[in-house]
Protein backbone atom coordinates (compact mmCIF):
# COMPACT_ATOMS: atom_id res chain seq x y z
CA UNK A 1 -12.50 28.93 10.18
CA UNK A 2 -9.52 26.62 10.38
CA UNK A 3 -10.13 23.89 12.95
CA UNK A 4 -7.79 23.98 15.92
CA UNK A 5 -8.80 20.70 17.56
CA UNK A 6 -9.60 17.17 16.44
CA UNK A 7 -13.25 17.59 17.44
CA UNK A 8 -13.63 20.85 15.46
CA UNK A 9 -12.01 19.24 12.43
CA UNK A 10 -14.09 16.07 12.72
CA UNK A 11 -17.29 18.11 13.01
CA UNK A 12 -16.32 20.14 9.95
CA UNK A 13 -15.55 17.08 7.83
CA UNK A 14 -18.62 15.08 8.86
CA UNK A 15 -21.28 17.80 9.18
CA UNK A 16 -20.16 20.61 6.89
CA UNK A 17 -18.42 18.62 4.14
CA UNK A 18 -20.69 15.56 4.47
CA UNK A 19 -17.72 13.17 4.26
CA UNK A 20 -17.70 9.84 6.09
CA UNK A 21 -14.47 9.49 8.01
CA UNK A 22 -13.81 5.85 7.26
CA UNK A 23 -10.50 4.09 7.75
CA UNK A 24 -10.14 3.76 3.98
CA UNK A 25 -10.73 7.46 3.39
CA UNK A 26 -8.24 8.35 6.12
CA UNK A 27 -5.61 6.03 4.61
CA UNK A 28 -6.09 7.60 1.16
CA UNK A 29 -5.72 11.13 2.54
CA UNK A 30 -2.68 10.19 4.63
CA UNK A 31 -0.97 8.81 1.52
CA UNK A 32 -1.39 12.24 -0.10
CA UNK A 33 -0.53 14.40 2.90
CA UNK A 34 2.56 12.40 3.85
CA UNK A 35 3.97 12.83 0.33
CA UNK A 36 5.81 16.17 0.41
CA UNK A 37 6.27 16.03 -3.38
CA UNK A 38 2.55 15.69 -4.07
CA UNK A 39 1.14 18.85 -5.70
CA UNK A 40 -1.95 18.75 -3.50
CA UNK A 41 0.18 18.55 -0.36
CA UNK A 42 2.40 21.42 -1.49
CA UNK A 43 -0.65 23.58 -2.21
CA UNK A 44 -2.11 22.68 1.19
CA UNK A 45 1.08 23.84 2.93
CA UNK A 46 1.08 27.10 0.97
CA UNK A 47 -2.53 27.79 1.95
CA UNK A 48 -2.59 26.54 5.54
CA UNK A 49 1.01 26.08 6.67
CA UNK A 50 3.17 23.20 7.81
CA UNK A 51 1.70 23.13 11.33
CA UNK A 52 -1.84 22.63 10.07
CA UNK A 53 -0.61 19.88 7.74
CA UNK A 54 0.89 18.09 10.74
CA UNK A 55 -2.41 18.55 12.62
CA UNK A 56 -4.35 17.03 9.72
CA UNK A 57 -1.95 14.08 9.49
CA UNK A 58 -2.27 13.44 13.23
CA UNK A 59 -6.06 13.73 13.10
CA UNK A 60 -6.36 11.32 10.17
CA UNK A 61 -4.21 8.86 12.12
CA UNK A 62 -6.84 8.94 14.88
CA UNK A 63 -9.52 7.74 12.47
């Protein structure tokens, strides 16, 4: 399931993936996802689409 809301995404990251959503972690991920030339970001867009990338960026900004 692809999360559609911040709360769904947060629950997935914290409970399913067992990742602590710290400010540092969020900053690291934002650096990757904001870089359109990054291979990981390009793969993410291919798999999940540009809209979901923008959702993820906005959700990480909330952390």
